[in-house]
Amino acid sequence: MTLYSRDTIEAKLTAVFTPDSIKVVDESHLHAGHHHGASDHHAGFDGSSGTHFRVIIVSSSFSGLSRIDRHRAVNKALAEELVSGVHALAIEAKAPGEPTRR
């Protein structure tokens, strides 16, 4: 499993979406000790960084897209990361002028 940095993910999303603003938060530490009941997928996860992220991004690329299509676009941009180490990705993708939660 490859671990990713906040900076790496931010740079990749910036290159794809040219955002007005972007914030990538590594939330891996919040998931220490969690696991799937019937799986050892997270057995022994110690909360080290690089596996769980929250992305808050504002870009004109999202204008006219549904929430699902925005999430699909972000997931597509980070496809390599999602199959090789990033386990969880919370996404808030907005077009300029739309309110954000944070």
N, C-alpha and C. Protein backbone atom coordinates (compact mmCIF):
# COMPACT_ATOMS: atom_id res chain seq x y z
N MET A 1 0.84 -1.18 0.00
CA MET A 1 0.00 0.00 0.00
C MET A 1 0.89 1.24 0.00
N THR A 2 0.59 2.15 -0.89
CA THR A 2 1.31 3.41 -0.97
C THR A 2 0.59 4.44 -0.11
N LEU A 3 1.35 5.21 0.64
CA LEU A 3 0.76 6.30 1.41
C LEU A 3 0.95 7.60 0.65
N TYR A 4 -0.05 8.45 0.67
CA TYR A 4 -0.01 9.70 -0.08
C TYR A 4 0.01 10.89 0.86
N SER A 5 0.54 11.99 0.38
CA SER A 5 0.58 13.21 1.19
C SER A 5 -0.53 14.16 0.73
N ARG A 6 -0.90 15.02 1.64
CA ARG A 6 -1.87 16.07 1.35
C ARG A 6 -1.40 16.91 0.17
N ASP A 7 -0.10 17.22 0.16
CA ASP A 7 0.46 18.06 -0.91
C ASP A 7 0.38 17.38 -2.27
N THR A 8 0.61 16.08 -2.32
CA THR A 8 0.54 15.34 -3.58
C THR A 8 -0.87 15.36 -4.15
N ILE A 9 -1.84 15.12 -3.30
CA ILE A 9 -3.24 15.12 -3.74
C ILE A 9 -3.67 16.53 -4.15
N GLU A 10 -3.28 17.52 -3.39
CA GLU A 10 -3.61 18.91 -3.73
C GLU A 10 -3.01 19.29 -5.08
N ALA A 11 -1.76 18.92 -5.32
CA ALA A 11 -1.11 19.26 -6.60
C ALA A 11 -1.82 18.59 -7.78
N LYS A 12 -2.20 17.34 -7.60
CA LYS A 12 -2.86 16.63 -8.69
C LYS A 12 -4.23 17.24 -9.00
N LEU A 13 -5.01 17.55 -7.97
CA LEU A 13 -6.32 18.16 -8.19
C LEU A 13 -6.19 19.57 -8.75
N THR A 14 -5.17 20.31 -8.34
CA THR A 14 -4.94 21.65 -8.87
C THR A 14 -4.62 21.58 -10.36
N ALA A 15 -3.82 20.61 -10.75
CA ALA A 15 -3.47 20.46 -12.17
C ALA A 15 -4.69 20.13 -13.02
N VAL A 16 -5.60 19.35 -12.49
CA VAL A 16 -6.78 18.92 -13.26
C VAL A 16 -7.87 19.98 -13.27
N PHE A 17 -8.15 20.61 -12.12
CA PHE A 17 -9.32 21.48 -12.00
C PHE A 17 -9.03 22.98 -11.94
N THR A 18 -7.77 23.39 -11.82
CA THR A 18 -7.40 24.80 -11.69
C THR A 18 -8.39 25.51 -10.74
N PRO A 19 -8.42 25.10 -9.50
CA PRO A 19 -9.45 25.62 -8.58
C PRO A 19 -9.22 27.05 -8.14
N ASP A 20 -10.33 27.71 -7.78
CA ASP A 20 -10.27 29.02 -7.14
C ASP A 20 -9.73 28.85 -5.72
N SER A 21 -10.12 27.74 -5.09
CA SER A 21 -9.59 27.41 -3.77
C SER A 21 -9.63 25.89 -3.60
N ILE A 22 -8.71 25.42 -2.78
CA ILE A 22 -8.64 23.98 -2.50
C ILE A 22 -8.06 23.79 -1.11
N LYS A 23 -8.62 22.85 -0.41
CA LYS A 23 -8.11 22.47 0.89
C LYS A 23 -8.16 20.95 0.96
N VAL A 24 -7.04 20.34 1.26
CA VAL A 24 -6.96 18.89 1.42
C VAL A 24 -6.51 18.63 2.85
N VAL A 25 -7.31 17.86 3.56
CA VAL A 25 -7.03 17.57 4.97
C VAL A 25 -6.79 16.08 5.12
N ASP A 26 -5.66 15.71 5.72
CA ASP A 26 -5.36 14.32 6.01
C ASP A 26 -6.06 13.96 7.31
N GLU A 27 -7.08 13.12 7.22
CA GLU A 27 -7.86 12.71 8.39
C GLU A 27 -7.54 11.28 8.83
N SER A 28 -6.44 10.76 8.39
CA SER A 28 -6.08 9.38 8.69
C SER A 28 -6.07 9.09 10.18
N HIS A 29 -5.56 10.03 10.96
CA HIS A 29 -5.46 9.82 12.40
C HIS A 29 -6.82 9.60 13.06
N LEU A 30 -7.89 10.06 12.44
CA LEU A 30 -9.23 9.89 12.99
C LEU A 30 -9.74 8.46 12.84
N HIS A 31 -9.05 7.66 12.04
CA HIS A 31 -9.52 6.32 11.72
C HIS A 31 -8.68 5.21 12.34
N ALA A 32 -7.79 5.57 13.24
CA ALA A 32 -6.95 4.57 13.90
C ALA A 32 -7.81 3.53 14.59
N GLY A 33 -7.51 2.27 14.32
CA GLY A 33 -8.19 1.17 14.98
C GLY A 33 -9.49 0.74 14.33
N HIS A 34 -9.99 1.47 13.33
CA HIS A 34 -11.23 0.99 12.72
C HIS A 34 -10.94 -0.08 11.69
N HIS A 35 -11.90 -0.93 11.48
CA HIS A 35 -11.75 -2.02 10.51
C HIS A 35 -13.12 -2.49 10.07
N HIS A 36 -13.15 -3.26 8.98
CA HIS A 36 -14.39 -3.87 8.51
C HIS A 36 -14.58 -5.16 9.29
N GLY A 37 -15.76 -5.39 9.79
CA GLY A 37 -16.03 -6.55 10.63
C GLY A 37 -15.65 -7.87 10.02
N ALA A 38 -15.97 -8.09 8.76
CA ALA A 38 -15.73 -9.39 8.14
C ALA A 38 -14.43 -9.43 7.34
N SER A 39 -13.59 -8.42 7.51
CA SER A 39 -12.39 -8.32 6.70
C SER A 39 -11.22 -7.88 7.56
N ASP A 40 -10.02 -8.25 7.15
CA ASP A 40 -8.83 -7.76 7.85
C ASP A 40 -8.22 -6.58 7.10
N HIS A 41 -9.02 -5.94 6.22
CA HIS A 41 -8.53 -4.84 5.39
C HIS A 41 -7.85 -3.75 6.22
N HIS A 42 -8.38 -3.47 7.40
CA HIS A 42 -7.80 -2.43 8.24
C HIS A 42 -7.17 -3.01 9.50
N ALA A 43 -6.99 -4.30 9.54
CA ALA A 43 -6.43 -4.89 10.75
C ALA A 43 -5.12 -4.20 11.09
N GLY A 44 -5.05 -3.70 12.29
CA GLY A 44 -3.81 -3.07 12.74
C GLY A 44 -3.58 -1.66 12.22
N PHE A 45 -4.56 -1.02 11.58
CA PHE A 45 -4.35 0.33 11.09
C PHE A 45 -4.06 1.25 12.26
N ASP A 46 -2.93 1.90 12.21
CA ASP A 46 -2.47 2.70 13.35
C ASP A 46 -2.76 4.19 13.21
N GLY A 47 -3.45 4.58 12.14
CA GLY A 47 -3.79 5.99 11.96
C GLY A 47 -2.70 6.81 11.30
N SER A 48 -1.66 6.13 10.75
CA SER A 48 -0.62 6.89 10.07
C SER A 48 -1.23 7.65 8.90
N SER A 49 -0.59 8.72 8.55
CA SER A 49 -1.13 9.59 7.52
C SER A 49 -1.06 8.95 6.14
N GLY A 50 -1.88 9.48 5.25
CA GLY A 50 -1.81 9.10 3.85
C GLY A 50 -2.87 8.14 3.37
N THR A 51 -3.92 7.89 4.15
CA THR A 51 -4.94 6.93 3.72
C THR A 51 -6.36 7.49 3.70
N HIS A 52 -6.65 8.52 4.49
CA HIS A 52 -7.99 9.08 4.61
C HIS A 52 -7.90 10.60 4.44
N PHE A 53 -8.62 11.13 3.45
CA PHE A 53 -8.54 12.56 3.15
C PHE A 53 -9.91 13.19 3.00
N ARG A 54 -9.96 14.48 3.27
CA ARG A 54 -11.13 15.32 3.00
C ARG A 54 -10.68 16.40 2.03
N VAL A 55 -11.44 16.58 0.95
CA VAL A 55 -11.12 17.58 -0.08
C VAL A 55 -12.26 18.59 -0.14
N ILE A 56 -11.91 19.86 -0.04
CA ILE A 56 -12.86 20.95 -0.23
C ILE A 56 -12.30 21.76 -1.38
N ILE A 57 -13.01 21.75 -2.51
CA ILE A 57 -12.48 22.36 -3.73
C ILE A 57 -13.56 23.20 -4.41
N VAL A 58 -13.18 24.39 -4.83
CA VAL A 58 -14.07 25.29 -5.57
C VAL A 58 -13.42 25.53 -6.93
N SER A 59 -14.14 25.17 -7.99
CA SER A 59 -13.60 25.31 -9.35
C SER A 59 -14.73 25.53 -10.34
N SER A 60 -14.48 26.37 -11.34
CA SER A 60 -15.48 26.56 -12.39
C SER A 60 -15.68 25.28 -13.19
N SER A 61 -14.77 24.33 -13.08
CA SER A 61 -14.94 23.03 -13.73
C SER A 61 -16.21 22.32 -13.27
N PHE A 62 -16.71 22.67 -12.09
CA PHE A 62 -17.88 22.00 -11.53
C PHE A 62 -19.19 22.70 -11.87
N SER A 63 -19.11 23.85 -12.54
CA SER A 63 -20.33 24.57 -12.92
C SER A 63 -21.20 23.70 -13.81
N GLY A 64 -22.48 23.61 -13.46
CA GLY A 64 -23.42 22.84 -14.27
C GLY A 64 -23.40 21.34 -14.03
N LEU A 65 -22.50 20.86 -13.18
CA LEU A 65 -22.44 19.42 -12.89
C LEU A 65 -23.22 19.10 -11.63
N SER A 66 -23.82 17.92 -11.62
CA SER A 66 -24.50 17.46 -10.42
C SER A 66 -23.46 17.09 -9.36
N ARG A 67 -23.92 16.94 -8.15
CA ARG A 67 -23.01 16.54 -7.06
C ARG A 67 -22.33 15.21 -7.39
N ILE A 68 -23.10 14.28 -7.91
CA ILE A 68 -22.53 12.97 -8.27
C ILE A 68 -21.48 13.10 -9.35
N ASP A 69 -21.74 13.91 -10.37
CA ASP A 69 -20.76 14.09 -11.45
C ASP A 69 -19.49 14.80 -10.95
N ARG A 70 -19.64 15.70 -10.01
CA ARG A 70 -18.47 16.36 -9.40
C ARG A 70 -17.62 15.34 -8.66
N HIS A 71 -18.27 14.49 -7.87
CA HIS A 71 -17.54 13.46 -7.13
C HIS A 71 -16.86 12.48 -8.09
N ARG A 72 -17.56 12.12 -9.14
CA ARG A 72 -16.96 11.21 -10.13
C ARG A 72 -15.72 11.84 -10.77
N ALA A 73 -15.78 13.13 -11.04
CA ALA A 73 -14.63 13.82 -11.64
C ALA A 73 -13.43 13.82 -10.70
N VAL A 74 -13.67 14.08 -9.43
CA VAL A 74 -12.57 14.07 -8.45
C VAL A 74 -12.03 12.64 -8.30
N ASN A 75 -12.93 11.67 -8.20
CA ASN A 75 -12.49 10.27 -8.09
C ASN A 75 -11.68 9.84 -9.32
N LYS A 76 -12.09 10.29 -10.50
CA LYS A 76 -11.34 9.97 -11.72
C LYS A 76 -9.95 10.59 -11.68
N ALA A 77 -9.86 11.83 -11.21
CA ALA A 77 -8.56 12.51 -11.13
C ALA A 77 -7.62 11.79 -10.15
N LEU A 78 -8.20 11.16 -9.14
CA LEU A 78 -7.39 10.48 -8.12
C LEU A 78 -7.51 8.96 -8.22
N ALA A 79 -7.83 8.45 -9.40
CA ALA A 79 -8.04 7.01 -9.58
C ALA A 79 -6.83 6.18 -9.14
N GLU A 80 -5.64 6.61 -9.50
CA GLU A 80 -4.43 5.87 -9.13
C GLU A 80 -4.29 5.80 -7.61
N GLU A 81 -4.53 6.91 -6.94
CA GLU A 81 -4.42 6.95 -5.49
C GLU A 81 -5.47 6.07 -4.82
N LEU A 82 -6.67 6.06 -5.38
CA LEU A 82 -7.77 5.30 -4.77
C LEU A 82 -7.58 3.79 -4.89
N VAL A 83 -6.82 3.34 -5.86
CA VAL A 83 -6.57 1.90 -5.97
C VAL A 83 -5.26 1.47 -5.30
N SER A 84 -4.45 2.44 -4.87
CA SER A 84 -3.15 2.05 -4.34
C SER A 84 -2.82 2.59 -2.96
N GLY A 85 -3.81 3.02 -2.19
CA GLY A 85 -3.48 3.44 -0.85
C GLY A 85 -4.47 4.35 -0.16
N VAL A 86 -5.15 5.21 -0.92
CA VAL A 86 -6.14 6.09 -0.30
C VAL A 86 -7.40 5.26 -0.10
N HIS A 87 -7.78 5.11 1.16
CA HIS A 87 -8.94 4.27 1.48
C HIS A 87 -10.24 5.08 1.53
N ALA A 88 -10.16 6.32 2.00
CA ALA A 88 -11.38 7.11 2.15
C ALA A 88 -11.13 8.52 1.64
N LEU A 89 -12.13 9.04 0.91
CA LEU A 89 -12.03 10.38 0.35
C LEU A 89 -13.38 11.07 0.51
N ALA A 90 -13.44 12.05 1.40
CA ALA A 90 -14.63 12.87 1.57
C ALA A 90 -14.47 14.07 0.64
N ILE A 91 -15.51 14.37 -0.13
CA ILE A 91 -15.39 15.41 -1.17
C ILE A 91 -16.49 16.45 -0.99
N GLU A 92 -16.07 17.72 -0.98
CA GLU A 92 -16.99 18.84 -1.11
C GLU A 92 -16.51 19.63 -2.32
N ALA A 93 -17.20 19.45 -3.45
CA ALA A 93 -16.82 20.10 -4.70
C ALA A 93 -17.89 21.11 -5.09
N LYS A 94 -17.50 22.35 -5.20
CA LYS A 94 -18.43 23.44 -5.49
C LYS A 94 -17.96 24.26 -6.68
N ALA A 95 -18.91 24.93 -7.31
CA ALA A 95 -18.59 25.92 -8.34
C ALA A 95 -18.46 27.27 -7.64
N PRO A 96 -17.74 28.22 -8.23
CA PRO A 96 -17.61 29.54 -7.61
C PRO A 96 -18.99 30.14 -7.30
N GLY A 97 -19.09 30.76 -6.12
CA GLY A 97 -20.34 31.39 -5.72
C GLY A 97 -21.25 30.49 -4.92
N GLU A 98 -21.03 29.19 -4.96
CA GLU A 98 -21.86 28.26 -4.17
C GLU A 98 -21.31 28.21 -2.74
N PRO A 99 -22.19 28.14 -1.76
CA PRO A 99 -21.71 28.10 -0.38
C PRO A 99 -21.03 26.78 -0.06
N THR A 100 -19.97 26.86 0.76
CA THR A 100 -19.30 25.66 1.25
C THR A 100 -19.62 25.50 2.72
N ARG A 101 -19.43 24.29 3.22
CA ARG A 101 -19.74 24.01 4.62
C ARG A 101 -18.65 24.51 5.54
N ARG A 102 -17.43 24.69 5.06
CA ARG A 102 -16.32 25.10 5.92
C ARG A 102 -15.72 26.38 5.43
